[in-house]
């Protein structure tokens, strides 16, 4: 099997329970079902061209996972408040695109606890939580607050980050080096750190989500591979987790390479 086109990253389907997430590698409008190719030889070759995932123009360098510089500086999804939601400036009238802000930011958001390498606090739009948790490689997660806007969720997350990590250790996450954590007990402990103005937004459903990933083997050492250093990479595909393809000889972060023109070759295992 051979495919050529612009790499657009991974998408997935979550089935719940102990069923592993189904992953698809998106390239040139085609979805390659990666779970079917586990254990097979997969080769990714860079064809020497990068294109902006928003406007399509050629670019020597991509920014924020696939954008050309003009789109990086102008599009609302690349504004600083996307990574620092507590600095949302919609109410100041300076949003890069008010319609974007109304659709994605001025809507209910969850603040959550997730276990990926260790416990972490994060936020996401309501109804987007499963996608967010899988993208982070979480094996277990639970919402702890529902806020009416992204900014309010960001303010609570920023406050709680004094007491909990808000980043994932991606190496530990990929190795499966995960601590056993009682999410409900941790949630109750975290509620003690809620500022008074946020206590009314506590989310007290006792059901958490468990997430399984399609992984045949674990790596003892994580070696990151990139098409900026190797024009061709790959090997036997032994797993997929978060936004990473896991090969026997290293891991490949697909989102970082969004916009790269590539050729994919897959050869079934003998």
Protein backbone atom coordinates (compact mmCIF):
# COMPACT_ATOMS: atom_id res chain seq x y z
CA UNK A 1 0.00 0.00 0.00
CA UNK A 2 1.33 3.46 -0.95
CA UNK A 3 -0.12 6.91 -0.31
CA UNK A 4 1.09 10.41 -1.19
CA UNK A 5 -0.19 13.74 0.02
CA UNK A 6 -0.18 16.30 2.80
CA UNK A 7 0.03 14.85 6.29
CA UNK A 8 -2.90 16.09 8.36
CA UNK A 9 -2.36 14.22 11.61
CA UNK A 10 -4.36 11.59 13.48
CA UNK A 11 -8.06 11.22 14.10
CA UNK A 12 -9.64 8.56 16.28
CA UNK A 13 -12.81 6.82 17.35
CA UNK A 14 -13.38 5.92 21.00
CA UNK A 15 -15.50 2.86 21.77
CA UNK A 16 -15.38 2.78 25.57
CA UNK A 17 -14.64 0.03 28.02
CA UNK A 18 -11.49 -1.99 27.36
CA UNK A 19 -11.72 -1.62 23.57
CA UNK A 20 -8.69 0.27 22.24
CA UNK A 21 -9.14 3.57 20.44
CA UNK A 22 -9.31 3.21 16.65
CA UNK A 23 -6.73 5.50 15.02
CA UNK A 24 -6.56 6.87 11.48
CA UNK A 25 -3.63 8.63 9.82
CA UNK A 26 -4.99 11.38 7.59
CA UNK A 27 -3.01 12.02 4.42
CA UNK A 28 -4.22 13.79 1.30
CA UNK A 29 -7.88 13.28 2.20
CA UNK A 30 -7.45 9.54 2.85
CA UNK A 31 -7.82 7.91 6.29
CA UNK A 32 -5.33 5.09 6.83
CA UNK A 33 -6.73 2.72 9.53
CA UNK A 34 -3.66 2.30 11.69
CA UNK A 35 -5.03 -0.40 14.00
CA UNK A 36 -5.14 -2.72 11.00
CA UNK A 37 -1.45 -2.12 10.33
CA UNK A 38 -0.14 -2.79 13.83
CA UNK A 39 2.82 -5.15 13.64
CA UNK A 40 3.47 -4.18 10.00
CA UNK A 41 6.30 -2.21 8.42
CA UNK A 42 5.34 1.43 7.93
CA UNK A 43 7.65 3.92 6.17
CA UNK A 44 7.17 7.69 6.03
CA UNK A 45 9.20 9.66 3.45
CA UNK A 46 9.36 13.46 3.28
CA UNK A 47 8.85 14.74 -0.29
CA UNK A 48 10.57 18.08 0.35
CA UNK A 49 7.56 20.40 0.49
CA UNK A 50 5.49 21.90 3.30
CA UNK A 51 2.10 23.58 2.92
CA UNK A 52 0.00 25.58 5.35
CA UNK A 53 -2.90 23.49 6.62
CA UNK A 54 -5.15 26.59 6.57
CA UNK A 55 -4.42 28.42 3.29
CA UNK A 56 -2.37 25.80 1.43
CA UNK A 57 0.54 28.06 0.48
CA UNK A 58 4.08 26.68 0.38
CA UNK A 59 6.16 27.49 3.42
CA UNK A 60 9.75 26.79 4.43
CA UNK A 61 8.73 26.50 8.06
CA UNK A 62 5.48 25.63 9.77
CA UNK A 63 4.24 27.19 13.01
CA UNK A 64 1.95 25.78 15.69
CA UNK A 65 1.58 22.39 14.00
CA UNK A 66 1.09 23.23 10.36
CA UNK A 67 0.48 26.93 9.76
CA UNK A 68 2.43 29.39 7.60
CA UNK A 69 3.61 32.53 9.39
CA UNK A 70 0.81 34.85 8.13
CA UNK A 71 -1.88 32.37 9.27
CA UNK A 72 -0.01 31.88 12.56
CA UNK A 73 -0.16 35.62 13.26
CA UNK A 74 -3.73 36.24 12.04
CA UNK A 75 -5.97 33.24 12.70
CA UNK A 76 -7.83 33.13 16.04
CA UNK A 77 -6.92 29.47 16.65
CA UNK A 78 -3.27 30.57 16.88
CA UNK A 79 -3.79 33.43 19.34
CA UNK A 80 -1.88 33.27 22.63
CA UNK A 81 -5.13 32.90 24.58
CA UNK A 82 -5.62 29.44 23.07
CA UNK A 83 -2.72 28.15 25.18
CA UNK A 84 -3.37 30.66 27.98
CA UNK A 85 -7.17 30.74 28.17
CA UNK A 86 -7.14 32.79 31.37
CA UNK A 87 -5.83 35.63 29.17
CA UNK A 88 -8.87 35.56 26.85
CA UNK A 89 -9.51 39.10 25.60
CA UNK A 90 -12.88 38.62 23.92
CA UNK A 91 -14.60 41.06 26.30
CA UNK A 92 -12.04 43.73 25.34
CA UNK A 93 -13.18 43.61 21.73
CA UNK A 94 -9.73 42.52 20.52
CA UNK A 95 -10.51 38.91 19.55
CA UNK A 96 -8.97 38.05 16.17
CA UNK A 97 -12.37 36.75 15.02
CA UNK A 98 -15.47 37.34 17.14
CA UNK A 99 -17.46 34.61 15.39
CA UNK A 100 -14.69 32.13 16.29
CA UNK A 101 -14.75 33.34 19.90
CA UNK A 102 -18.51 33.00 20.15
CA UNK A 103 -18.43 29.48 18.69
CA UNK A 104 -15.43 28.05 20.58
CA UNK A 105 -14.82 30.21 23.65
CA UNK A 106 -18.10 31.74 24.84
CA UNK A 107 -19.56 28.28 25.48
CA UNK A 108 -19.47 25.82 28.42
CA UNK A 109 -16.08 24.29 29.22
CA UNK A 110 -15.00 21.50 31.55
CA UNK A 111 -12.03 21.67 33.89
CA UNK A 112 -10.89 18.08 34.40
CA UNK A 113 -8.41 15.75 36.04
CA UNK A 114 -6.63 13.26 33.79
CA UNK A 115 -4.03 10.54 34.29
CA UNK A 116 -1.55 10.27 31.43
CA UNK A 117 1.88 10.18 33.09
CA UNK A 118 0.81 11.60 36.46
CA UNK A 119 -2.33 13.41 37.50
CA UNK A 120 -2.86 16.70 35.65
CA UNK A 121 -5.47 19.43 35.48
CA UNK A 122 -6.74 20.67 32.13
CA UNK A 123 -9.69 22.21 30.33
CA UNK A 124 -11.66 21.56 27.18
CA UNK A 125 -14.94 22.50 25.53
CA UNK A 126 -17.92 20.55 26.82
CA UNK A 127 -18.63 17.61 24.46
CA UNK A 128 -14.99 17.71 23.27
CA UNK A 129 -13.57 16.03 26.36
CA UNK A 130 -13.04 12.53 24.91
CA UNK A 131 -11.15 13.90 21.91
CA UNK A 132 -9.01 16.02 24.21
CA UNK A 133 -8.22 13.16 26.59
CA UNK A 134 -7.23 10.78 23.81
CA UNK A 135 -5.06 13.49 22.21
CA UNK A 136 -3.19 13.75 25.51
CA UNK A 137 -2.80 10.00 25.94
CA UNK A 138 -4.87 9.93 29.13
CA UNK A 139 -5.80 6.49 30.42
CA UNK A 140 -8.39 7.85 32.87
CA UNK A 141 -10.14 11.21 33.27
CA UNK A 142 -13.04 12.95 34.99
CA UNK A 143 -14.57 16.45 34.77
CA UNK A 144 -14.44 18.36 38.05
CA UNK A 145 -16.08 21.68 37.06
CA UNK A 146 -18.32 23.07 34.34
CA UNK A 147 -17.81 26.75 33.56
CA UNK A 148 -19.86 28.96 31.19
CA UNK A 149 -16.87 30.30 29.21
CA UNK A 150 -13.34 29.33 28.22
CA UNK A 151 -11.89 32.26 30.14
CA UNK A 152 -13.55 31.24 33.41
CA UNK A 153 -12.35 27.66 32.92
CA UNK A 154 -8.88 29.01 32.21
CA UNK A 155 -8.88 31.08 35.38
CA UNK A 156 -9.80 28.04 37.48
CA UNK A 157 -7.25 25.84 35.70
CA UNK A 158 -4.55 28.47 36.18
CA UNK A 159 -5.35 28.67 39.90
CA UNK A 160 -5.32 24.87 40.32
CA UNK A 161 -1.98 24.60 38.49
CA UNK A 162 -0.40 25.90 41.71
CA UNK A 163 -1.27 22.55 43.27
CA UNK A 164 -1.26 20.12 40.31
CA UNK A 165 0.73 19.77 37.08
CA UNK A 166 -0.98 21.14 33.96
CA UNK A 167 1.41 19.44 31.52
CA UNK A 168 1.90 15.82 30.46
CA UNK A 169 5.30 14.15 30.65
CA UNK A 170 5.07 12.75 27.12
CA UNK A 171 7.97 10.34 27.54
CA UNK A 172 6.41 8.69 30.59
CA UNK A 173 3.02 8.72 28.87
CA UNK A 174 4.40 6.82 25.87
CA UNK A 175 6.28 4.32 28.03
CA UNK A 176 3.12 3.64 30.03
CA UNK A 177 4.92 4.79 33.18
CA UNK A 178 1.73 5.83 34.95
CA UNK A 179 0.94 6.17 38.64
CA UNK A 180 -2.13 4.52 40.16
CA UNK A 181 -4.38 7.36 41.30
CA UNK A 182 -7.82 7.37 42.93
CA UNK A 183 -9.53 10.04 40.80
CA UNK A 184 -12.53 10.53 43.07
CA UNK A 185 -10.34 10.99 46.15
CA UNK A 186 -8.09 13.37 44.22
CA UNK A 187 -11.12 15.31 42.97
CA UNK A 188 -12.40 15.76 46.51
CA UNK A 189 -8.95 16.95 47.57
CA UNK A 190 -8.79 19.41 44.68
CA UNK A 191 -12.22 20.80 45.57
CA UNK A 192 -10.57 22.10 48.73
CA UNK A 193 -8.45 24.38 46.54
CA UNK A 194 -11.39 25.92 44.67
CA UNK A 195 -11.71 29.68 45.21
CA UNK A 196 -15.10 30.66 46.63
CA UNK A 197 -16.37 32.12 43.34
CA UNK A 198 -15.85 28.79 41.57
CA UNK A 199 -17.41 26.42 44.10
CA UNK A 200 -20.87 26.72 42.53
CA UNK A 201 -19.45 25.26 39.29
CA UNK A 202 -18.18 21.99 40.80
CA UNK A 203 -19.14 18.99 38.69
CA UNK A 204 -19.95 16.03 40.91
CA UNK A 205 -20.70 13.11 38.59
CA UNK A 206 -18.87 10.07 40.00
CA UNK A 207 -18.30 8.33 36.65
CA UNK A 208 -14.81 8.58 35.17
CA UNK A 209 -13.67 7.48 31.71
CA UNK A 210 -11.09 4.74 31.11
CA UNK A 211 -9.25 4.78 27.78
CA UNK A 212 -7.30 1.91 26.20
CA UNK A 213 -4.83 2.34 23.34
CA UNK A 214 -3.72 0.03 20.49
CA UNK A 215 -0.24 -0.91 21.73
CA UNK A 216 1.45 -4.26 21.07
CA UNK A 217 4.66 -3.58 23.01
CA UNK A 218 6.12 -0.92 25.30
CA UNK A 219 9.41 0.89 24.70
CA UNK A 220 12.05 1.05 27.43
CA UNK A 221 13.60 4.14 25.85
CA UNK A 222 11.80 6.90 23.95
CA UNK A 223 13.66 8.15 20.89
CA UNK A 224 11.86 10.96 19.08
CA UNK A 225 12.09 10.88 15.27
CA UNK A 226 11.46 13.83 12.93
CA UNK A 227 11.37 14.38 9.17
CA UNK A 228 13.46 17.53 9.65
CA UNK A 229 16.41 15.28 10.49
CA UNK A 230 15.52 12.10 8.58
CA UNK A 231 13.95 12.22 5.13
CA UNK A 232 12.70 8.69 5.67
CA UNK A 233 11.72 7.02 8.92
CA UNK A 234 9.57 4.25 10.27
CA UNK A 235 9.83 0.54 10.99
CA UNK A 236 7.54 -1.98 12.60
CA UNK A 237 4.53 -0.15 14.01
CA UNK A 238 3.93 -1.38 17.57
CA UNK A 239 1.44 1.19 18.84
CA UNK A 240 -0.41 4.47 18.58
CA UNK A 241 -1.09 6.81 21.49
CA UNK A 242 -2.01 10.48 21.79
CA UNK A 243 -0.61 12.00 18.56
CA UNK A 244 2.29 9.56 18.28
CA UNK A 245 3.09 6.60 16.07
CA UNK A 246 5.20 4.18 18.13
CA UNK A 247 7.81 2.19 16.19
CA UNK A 248 10.29 -0.34 17.55
CA UNK A 249 13.08 2.19 16.97
CA UNK A 250 11.40 5.41 18.07
CA UNK A 251 8.27 7.57 18.10
CA UNK A 252 6.88 9.97 15.50
CA UNK A 253 4.75 12.96 16.50
CA UNK A 254 2.21 13.38 13.69
CA UNK A 255 0.75 16.76 14.71
CA UNK A 256 4.18 18.40 14.62
CA UNK A 257 4.45 17.32 10.96
CA UNK A 258 1.03 18.52 9.80
CA UNK A 259 1.43 20.18 6.40
CA UNK A 260 4.40 18.05 5.31
CA UNK A 261 4.06 16.40 1.90
CA UNK A 262 4.88 12.74 2.47
CA UNK A 263 4.75 9.30 0.99
CA UNK A 264 3.47 6.46 3.19
CA UNK A 265 4.32 2.84 2.43
CA UNK A 266 2.84 0.02 4.46
CA UNK A 267 3.90 -3.59 4.13
CA UNK A 268 1.98 -6.35 5.95
CA UNK A 269 3.95 -8.39 8.44
CA UNK A 270 5.14 -11.77 7.21
